[in-house]
Amino acid sequence: MIRVAILCGGLGTRLGPLAGNLPKPMIDVGGRPYLERVIESFSSRGLRELVLLTGHRAEVIEQHFADGARFGVSISYSRESEPIGTGGALRDARALLGPRFIVTYGDVLRYFDYDHFVARHASHCLAVYPRIHSGNADVRAGRVVRFDKHAPELPFVDAGFSLIGAPALDVLPATGPCSFEEIVFPELIRRGEMEGEIIDHEFFDIGTPDELARTRAALEEQ
C-alpha cells in the first residue's frame, strides 16, 4: 500500500489577498477547494491512503476533509506548530508514511497515471519535465544525475512529485527547519539511487496570481 504525502502547510504569501487567509490549497477553484481536485487526482488512480502535512490554518483543512470518508479516501494528518520546511514536515510525519510513499504539493494538480508510476519504479524516482524557462534537474539514462534549484540552466524541472523510500529521510537533520528537496534529492543522486522519469509539462498550479487565474479559467467548468 502506497501512501501519498501532500504538503499543505504553505502560507501562500505570493498570492497576497487572493488567499483570503486560507491555506493555499483551500482556495476556491470552480466552486470548491482546490485541494479536493488534488486528492481526486490520486484517488481516481486507486491511491486513497493520504497524509496531509498541514501548517497555516491547519484547522480549515482538517475540518473540511476530516477522515476523508466523505471523499472516498482515508486521511491522516501531521500538523506543524511552526514553519519547519518541507523536510521538517516529512520528518515529523514519518511514522504515518509507511516504507515507500509519494511526495507531492497541495498547490499542484496533475492528471497522471500515478498508480503505474509506482509500479514502474522499485526505488526512489523523481518525475521531471523538459524545462521551459529554467531548470533544476538533469536526467541521463533513466537516472537523475543532478538536482540544484540554483542551476536554472539544467535541462529538466521537477514535476512536483516523487516516489521515496522512507530510509531516505534519515539524511535530514534531527531538528529544525530544512528542505526535503535540497537535502534528500542530492544525497540519493550521490548514491546513484534516484531514478528519473520524464513526463509532459501539463499541470495546474495556484502558486502565483497569474497561475491561479490560468487554473481557474481552465477548471471552472470541471
C-alpha atoms as a PDB file:
ATOM      1  CA  MET A   1       0.000   0.000   0.000  1.00  0.00           C
ATOM      2  CA  ILE A   2       1.424   3.326  -1.078  1.00  0.00           C
ATOM      3  CA  ARG A   3       0.501   6.450   0.833  1.00  0.00           C
ATOM      4  CA  VAL A   4       0.506   9.935  -0.670  1.00  0.00           C
ATOM      5  CA  ALA A   5       2.052  12.720   1.407  1.00  0.00           C
ATOM      6  CA  ILE A   6       0.627  16.085   0.373  1.00  0.00           C
ATOM      7  CA  LEU A   7       2.453  19.168   1.623  1.00  0.00           C
ATOM      8  CA  CYS A   8      -0.279  21.651   2.573  1.00  0.00           C
ATOM      9  CA  GLY A   9       1.434  23.947   5.061  1.00  0.00           C
ATOM     10  CA  GLY A  10       2.394  26.901   2.873  1.00  0.00           C
ATOM     11  CA  LEU A  11       1.369  30.467   3.685  1.00  0.00           C
ATOM     12  CA  GLY A  12       0.521  31.481   0.123  1.00  0.00           C
ATOM     13  CA  THR A  13       2.344  34.781   0.538  1.00  0.00           C
ATOM     14  CA  ARG A  14       2.794  35.273  -3.212  1.00  0.00           C
ATOM     15  CA  LEU A  15      -0.982  35.302  -3.619  1.00  0.00           C
ATOM     16  CA  GLY A  16      -1.459  38.168  -1.180  1.00  0.00           C
ATOM     17  CA  PRO A  17      -5.141  38.985  -0.546  1.00  0.00           C
ATOM     18  CA  LEU A  18      -6.252  36.368  -3.084  1.00  0.00           C
ATOM     19  CA  ALA A  19      -5.555  33.704  -0.447  1.00  0.00           C
ATOM     20  CA  GLY A  20      -8.113  35.282   1.874  1.00  0.00           C
ATOM     21  CA  ASN A  21      -6.269  33.991   4.971  1.00  0.00           C
ATOM     22  CA  LEU A  22      -6.984  30.435   3.838  1.00  0.00           C
ATOM     23  CA  PRO A  23      -4.390  27.686   3.497  1.00  0.00           C
ATOM     24  CA  LYS A  24      -3.320  27.994  -0.136  1.00  0.00           C
ATOM     25  CA  PRO A  25      -4.695  24.556  -1.183  1.00  0.00           C
ATOM     26  CA  MET A  26      -8.143  25.543   0.130  1.00  0.00           C
ATOM     27  CA  ILE A  27      -8.582  28.441  -2.292  1.00  0.00           C
ATOM     28  CA  ASP A  28     -11.791  28.140  -4.298  1.00  0.00           C
ATOM     29  CA  VAL A  29     -11.338  26.945  -7.865  1.00  0.00           C
ATOM     30  CA  GLY A  30     -14.514  26.284  -9.796  1.00  0.00           C
ATOM     31  CA  GLY A  31     -16.735  26.284  -6.728  1.00  0.00           C
ATOM     32  CA  ARG A  32     -14.742  24.006  -4.449  1.00  0.00           C
ATOM     33  CA  PRO A  33     -11.412  23.894  -2.633  1.00  0.00           C
ATOM     34  CA  TYR A  34      -8.524  23.236  -4.966  1.00  0.00           C
ATOM     35  CA  LEU A  35      -7.228  20.504  -2.640  1.00  0.00           C
ATOM     36  CA  GLU A  36     -10.316  18.410  -3.403  1.00  0.00           C
ATOM     37  CA  ARG A  37      -9.153  18.212  -7.004  1.00  0.00           C
ATOM     38  CA  VAL A  38      -5.617  17.297  -5.978  1.00  0.00           C
ATOM     39  CA  ILE A  39      -6.925  14.475  -3.794  1.00  0.00           C
ATOM     40  CA  GLU A  40      -9.182  13.239  -6.605  1.00  0.00           C
ATOM     41  CA  SER A  41      -6.220  13.073  -8.967  1.00  0.00           C
ATOM     42  CA  PHE A  42      -4.773  10.367  -6.722  1.00  0.00           C
ATOM     43  CA  SER A  43      -7.940   8.605  -5.583  1.00  0.00           C
ATOM     44  CA  SER A  44      -9.039   8.188  -9.216  1.00  0.00           C
ATOM     45  CA  ARG A  45      -5.876   6.109  -9.725  1.00  0.00           C
ATOM     46  CA  GLY A  46      -6.580   3.931  -6.688  1.00  0.00           C
ATOM     47  CA  LEU A  47      -4.284   5.803  -4.290  1.00  0.00           C
ATOM     48  CA  ARG A  48      -6.639   6.502  -1.408  1.00  0.00           C
ATOM     49  CA  GLU A  49      -4.344   6.478   1.647  1.00  0.00           C
ATOM     50  CA  LEU A  50      -3.346  10.103   2.184  1.00  0.00           C
ATOM     51  CA  VAL A  51      -1.282  12.004   4.726  1.00  0.00           C
ATOM     52  CA  LEU A  52      -1.885  15.756   4.723  1.00  0.00           C
ATOM     53  CA  LEU A  53       1.026  17.752   6.110  1.00  0.00           C
ATOM     54  CA  THR A  54      -0.638  20.895   7.384  1.00  0.00           C
ATOM     55  CA  GLY A  55       0.558  24.145   8.918  1.00  0.00           C
ATOM     56  CA  HIS A  56      -1.003  27.570   8.340  1.00  0.00           C
ATOM     57  CA  ARG A  57      -4.721  27.468   9.254  1.00  0.00           C
ATOM     58  CA  ALA A  58      -4.495  23.697   9.559  1.00  0.00           C
ATOM     59  CA  GLU A  59      -7.921  23.533  11.151  1.00  0.00           C
ATOM     60  CA  VAL A  60      -9.569  24.693   7.913  1.00  0.00           C
ATOM     61  CA  ILE A  61      -8.216  21.665   6.051  1.00  0.00           C
ATOM     62  CA  GLU A  62      -8.829  19.229   8.880  1.00  0.00           C
ATOM     63  CA  GLN A  63     -12.425  20.339   9.429  1.00  0.00           C
ATOM     64  CA  HIS A  64     -13.261  20.172   5.740  1.00  0.00           C
ATOM     65  CA  PHE A  65     -11.766  16.761   4.977  1.00  0.00           C
ATOM     66  CA  ALA A  66     -11.959  15.078   8.412  1.00  0.00           C
ATOM     67  CA  ASP A  67     -11.023  11.397   7.985  1.00  0.00           C
ATOM     68  CA  GLY A  68     -11.597  11.558   4.241  1.00  0.00           C
ATOM     69  CA  ALA A  69     -14.543   9.133   4.181  1.00  0.00           C
ATOM     70  CA  ARG A  70     -16.812  11.704   2.532  1.00  0.00           C
ATOM     71  CA  PHE A  71     -14.337  11.864  -0.352  1.00  0.00           C
ATOM     72  CA  GLY A  72     -13.758   8.131  -0.670  1.00  0.00           C
ATOM     73  CA  VAL A  73     -10.261   8.226   0.865  1.00  0.00           C
ATOM     74  CA  SER A  74      -8.550   7.713   4.211  1.00  0.00           C
ATOM     75  CA  ILE A  75      -6.731  10.775   5.570  1.00  0.00           C
ATOM     76  CA  SER A  76      -4.219  11.144   8.382  1.00  0.00           C
ATOM     77  CA  TYR A  77      -2.735  14.471   9.439  1.00  0.00           C
ATOM     78  CA  SER A  78       0.635  15.729  10.557  1.00  0.00           C
ATOM     79  CA  ARG A  79       0.403  19.327  11.732  1.00  0.00           C
ATOM     80  CA  GLU A  80       3.420  21.565  12.192  1.00  0.00           C
ATOM     81  CA  SER A  81       3.192  24.093  15.024  1.00  0.00           C
ATOM     82  CA  GLU A  82       5.693  26.418  13.347  1.00  0.00           C
ATOM     83  CA  PRO A  83       7.183  26.561   9.844  1.00  0.00           C
ATOM     84  CA  ILE A  84       9.790  23.805   9.532  1.00  0.00           C
ATOM     85  CA  GLY A  85      10.109  23.463   5.759  1.00  0.00           C
ATOM     86  CA  THR A  86       9.296  20.525   3.544  1.00  0.00           C
ATOM     87  CA  GLY A  87      11.986  18.386   5.137  1.00  0.00           C
ATOM     88  CA  GLY A  88      10.829  19.107   8.661  1.00  0.00           C
ATOM     89  CA  ALA A  89       7.217  18.362   7.746  1.00  0.00           C
ATOM     90  CA  LEU A  90       8.113  14.982   6.223  1.00  0.00           C
ATOM     91  CA  ARG A  91      10.466  14.159   9.093  1.00  0.00           C
ATOM     92  CA  ASP A  92       7.663  14.761  11.609  1.00  0.00           C
ATOM     93  CA  ALA A  93       5.197  12.706   9.556  1.00  0.00           C
ATOM     94  CA  ARG A  94       7.498   9.735   9.039  1.00  0.00           C
ATOM     95  CA  ALA A  95       5.595   7.355  11.293  1.00  0.00           C
ATOM     96  CA  LEU A  96       2.498   7.860   9.135  1.00  0.00           C
ATOM     97  CA  LEU A  97       4.130   7.387   5.740  1.00  0.00           C
ATOM     98  CA  GLY A  98       4.995   3.700   5.529  1.00  0.00           C
ATOM     99  CA  PRO A  99       8.036   2.166   3.817  1.00  0.00           C
ATOM    100  CA  ARG A 100       7.505   3.894   0.454  1.00  0.00           C
ATOM    101  CA  PHE A 101       5.347   6.894  -0.424  1.00  0.00           C
ATOM    102  CA  ILE A 102       4.630   9.606  -2.958  1.00  0.00           C
ATOM    103  CA  VAL A 103       5.500  13.182  -2.022  1.00  0.00           C
ATOM    104  CA  THR A 104       3.572  15.985  -3.708  1.00  0.00           C
ATOM    105  CA  TYR A 105       2.279  19.511  -3.105  1.00  0.00           C
ATOM    106  CA  GLY A 106      -1.184  20.781  -2.324  1.00  0.00           C
ATOM    107  CA  ASP A 107      -0.954  23.612  -4.845  1.00  0.00           C
ATOM    108  CA  VAL A 108      -0.049  21.454  -7.880  1.00  0.00           C
ATOM    109  CA  LEU A 109      -2.627  19.404  -9.779  1.00  0.00           C
ATOM    110  CA  ARG A 110      -1.694  16.893 -12.446  1.00  0.00           C
ATOM    111  CA  TYR A 111      -3.856  14.220 -14.062  1.00  0.00           C
ATOM    112  CA  PHE A 112      -1.383  11.366 -14.283  1.00  0.00           C
ATOM    113  CA  ASP A 113      -1.128   7.575 -14.034  1.00  0.00           C
ATOM    114  CA  TYR A 114       0.293   7.677 -10.519  1.00  0.00           C
ATOM    115  CA  ASP A 115      -0.549   4.021  -9.961  1.00  0.00           C
ATOM    116  CA  HIS A 116       1.539   2.980 -12.964  1.00  0.00           C
ATOM    117  CA  PHE A 117       4.310   5.354 -11.887  1.00  0.00           C
ATOM    118  CA  VAL A 118       4.563   3.491  -8.587  1.00  0.00           C
ATOM    119  CA  ALA A 119       4.564   0.130 -10.374  1.00  0.00           C
ATOM    120  CA  ARG A 120       7.257   1.226 -12.843  1.00  0.00           C
ATOM    121  CA  HIS A 121       9.786   2.158 -10.164  1.00  0.00           C
ATOM    122  CA  ALA A 122      11.021  -0.148  -7.446  1.00  0.00           C
ATOM    123  CA  SER A 123      13.182   2.525  -5.849  1.00  0.00           C
ATOM    124  CA  HIS A 124      13.242   6.294  -5.442  1.00  0.00           C
ATOM    125  CA  CYS A 125      12.117   8.220  -8.504  1.00  0.00           C
ATOM    126  CA  LEU A 126      11.760  11.902  -9.356  1.00  0.00           C
ATOM    127  CA  ALA A 127       9.341  12.933 -12.105  1.00  0.00           C
ATOM    128  CA  VAL A 128      10.641  15.740 -14.324  1.00  0.00           C
ATOM    129  CA  TYR A 129       9.658  17.552 -17.497  1.00  0.00           C
ATOM    130  CA  PRO A 130      11.795  19.414 -20.049  1.00  0.00           C
ATOM    131  CA  ARG A 131      12.494  22.937 -18.854  1.00  0.00           C
ATOM    132  CA  ILE A 132      10.588  25.820 -20.416  1.00  0.00           C
ATOM    133  CA  HIS A 133      12.075  28.879 -18.706  1.00  0.00           C
ATOM    134  CA  SER A 134      14.543  27.401 -16.240  1.00  0.00           C
ATOM    135  CA  GLY A 135      15.570  24.018 -14.874  1.00  0.00           C
ATOM    136  CA  ASN A 136      16.724  22.330 -11.688  1.00  0.00           C
ATOM    137  CA  ALA A 137      17.482  18.728 -12.694  1.00  0.00           C
ATOM    138  CA  ASP A 138      19.399  16.616 -15.172  1.00  0.00           C
ATOM    139  CA  VAL A 139      18.396  13.074 -16.158  1.00  0.00           C
ATOM    140  CA  ARG A 140      20.504  10.636 -18.149  1.00  0.00           C
ATOM    141  CA  ALA A 141      19.729   7.011 -18.984  1.00  0.00           C
ATOM    142  CA  GLY A 142      16.812   6.949 -16.564  1.00  0.00           C
ATOM    143  CA  ARG A 143      18.776   8.332 -13.606  1.00  0.00           C
ATOM    144  CA  VAL A 144      18.784  11.791 -12.067  1.00  0.00           C
ATOM    145  CA  VAL A 145      22.412  12.893 -12.126  1.00  0.00           C
ATOM    146  CA  ARG A 146      21.970  16.379 -10.703  1.00  0.00           C
ATOM    147  CA  PHE A 147      19.395  18.399  -8.781  1.00  0.00           C
ATOM    148  CA  ASP A 148      20.077  22.025  -7.966  1.00  0.00           C
ATOM    149  CA  LYS A 149      17.458  24.725  -7.516  1.00  0.00           C
ATOM    150  CA  HIS A 150      20.145  27.318  -8.157  1.00  0.00           C
ATOM    151  CA  ALA A 151      21.144  25.960 -11.578  1.00  0.00           C
ATOM    152  CA  PRO A 152      18.449  27.230 -13.974  1.00  0.00           C
ATOM    153  CA  GLU A 153      20.438  26.054 -16.987  1.00  0.00           C
ATOM    154  CA  LEU A 154      19.738  22.383 -16.239  1.00  0.00           C
ATOM    155  CA  PRO A 155      17.575  20.717 -18.917  1.00  0.00           C
ATOM    156  CA  PHE A 156      14.700  19.471 -16.743  1.00  0.00           C
ATOM    157  CA  VAL A 157      12.401  20.735 -13.981  1.00  0.00           C
ATOM    158  CA  ASP A 158      10.971  18.606 -11.203  1.00  0.00           C
ATOM    159  CA  ALA A 159       7.305  17.901 -11.884  1.00  0.00           C
ATOM    160  CA  GLY A 160       6.153  18.347  -8.299  1.00  0.00           C
ATOM    161  CA  PHE A 161       6.021  14.716  -7.203  1.00  0.00           C
ATOM    162  CA  SER A 162       8.407  11.901  -6.391  1.00  0.00           C
ATOM    163  CA  LEU A 163       8.428   8.332  -5.092  1.00  0.00           C
ATOM    164  CA  ILE A 164      10.539   7.980  -1.978  1.00  0.00           C
ATOM    165  CA  GLY A 165      11.580   5.158   0.328  1.00  0.00           C
ATOM    166  CA  ALA A 166      11.340   6.076   3.999  1.00  0.00           C
ATOM    167  CA  PRO A 167      15.059   5.417   4.782  1.00  0.00           C
ATOM    168  CA  ALA A 168      15.912   8.381   2.545  1.00  0.00           C
ATOM    169  CA  LEU A 169      14.561  10.648   5.286  1.00  0.00           C
ATOM    170  CA  ASP A 170      17.443   9.564   7.540  1.00  0.00           C
ATOM    171  CA  VAL A 171      19.676  12.195   5.941  1.00  0.00           C
ATOM    172  CA  LEU A 172      17.502  15.044   7.232  1.00  0.00           C
ATOM    173  CA  PRO A 173      18.676  16.855  10.378  1.00  0.00           C
ATOM    174  CA  ALA A 174      17.010  15.603  13.536  1.00  0.00           C
ATOM    175  CA  THR A 175      15.532  19.004  14.414  1.00  0.00           C
ATOM    176  CA  GLY A 176      14.853  22.393  12.919  1.00  0.00           C
ATOM    177  CA  PRO A 177      13.610  23.654   9.565  1.00  0.00           C
ATOM    178  CA  CYS A 178      15.032  22.057   6.443  1.00  0.00           C
ATOM    179  CA  SER A 179      14.302  21.452   2.777  1.00  0.00           C
ATOM    180  CA  PHE A 180      13.415  17.925   1.697  1.00  0.00           C
ATOM    181  CA  GLU A 181      14.286  18.584  -1.929  1.00  0.00           C
ATOM    182  CA  GLU A 182      17.624  20.271  -1.312  1.00  0.00           C
ATOM    183  CA  ILE A 183      18.873  17.638   1.132  1.00  0.00           C
ATOM    184  CA  VAL A 184      17.321  14.299   0.162  1.00  0.00           C
ATOM    185  CA  PHE A 185      17.454  14.544  -3.639  1.00  0.00           C
ATOM    186  CA  PRO A 186      21.180  15.402  -3.875  1.00  0.00           C
ATOM    187  CA  GLU A 187      22.080  12.640  -1.425  1.00  0.00           C
ATOM    188  CA  LEU A 188      20.108   9.998  -3.340  1.00  0.00           C
ATOM    189  CA  ILE A 189      21.744  11.212  -6.547  1.00  0.00           C
ATOM    190  CA  ARG A 190      25.191  10.992  -4.960  1.00  0.00           C
ATOM    191  CA  ARG A 191      24.461   7.381  -4.068  1.00  0.00           C
ATOM    192  CA  GLY A 192      23.192   6.640  -7.579  1.00  0.00           C
ATOM    193  CA  GLU A 193      19.774   5.700  -6.200  1.00  0.00           C
ATOM    194  CA  MET A 194      17.473   8.294  -7.800  1.00  0.00           C
ATOM    195  CA  GLU A 195      15.640   7.188 -10.909  1.00  0.00           C
ATOM    196  CA  GLY A 196      14.132   9.816 -13.178  1.00  0.00           C
ATOM    197  CA  GLU A 197      11.003   9.680 -15.305  1.00  0.00           C
ATOM    198  CA  ILE A 198      10.452  12.331 -17.961  1.00  0.00           C
ATOM    199  CA  ILE A 199       6.804  13.328 -18.351  1.00  0.00           C
ATOM    200  CA  ASP A 200       4.925  16.129 -20.095  1.00  0.00           C
ATOM    201  CA  HIS A 201       4.634  19.577 -18.545  1.00  0.00           C
ATOM    202  CA  GLU A 202       0.829  19.811 -18.478  1.00  0.00           C
ATOM    203  CA  PHE A 203      -0.310  20.649 -14.964  1.00  0.00           C
ATOM    204  CA  PHE A 204      -2.201  23.266 -12.956  1.00  0.00           C
ATOM    205  CA  ASP A 205      -0.646  25.460 -10.285  1.00  0.00           C
ATOM    206  CA  ILE A 206      -2.009  28.146  -7.969  1.00  0.00           C
ATOM    207  CA  GLY A 207       1.262  29.484  -6.584  1.00  0.00           C
ATOM    208  CA  THR A 208       1.020  32.982  -8.071  1.00  0.00           C
ATOM    209  CA  PRO A 209      -1.864  35.273  -9.083  1.00  0.00           C
ATOM    210  CA  ASP A 210      -1.207  34.573 -12.779  1.00  0.00           C
ATOM    211  CA  GLU A 211      -1.100  30.815 -12.248  1.00  0.00           C
ATOM    212  CA  LEU A 212      -4.257  30.930 -10.146  1.00  0.00           C
ATOM    213  CA  ALA A 213      -6.079  32.863 -12.869  1.00  0.00           C
ATOM    214  CA  ARG A 214      -4.958  30.390 -15.537  1.00  0.00           C
ATOM    215  CA  THR A 215      -6.012  27.433 -13.415  1.00  0.00           C
ATOM    216  CA  ARG A 216      -9.413  28.931 -12.635  1.00  0.00           C
ATOM    217  CA  ALA A 217     -10.026  29.623 -16.321  1.00  0.00           C
ATOM    218  CA  ALA A 218      -9.164  26.040 -17.221  1.00  0.00           C
ATOM    219  CA  LEU A 219     -11.017  24.274 -14.422  1.00  0.00           C
ATOM    220  CA  GLU A 220     -14.019  26.462 -13.655  1.00  0.00           C
ATOM    221  CA  GLU A 221     -16.373  24.172 -15.578  1.00  0.00           C
ATOM    222  CA  GLN A 222     -14.943  20.861 -14.387  1.00  0.00           C
END
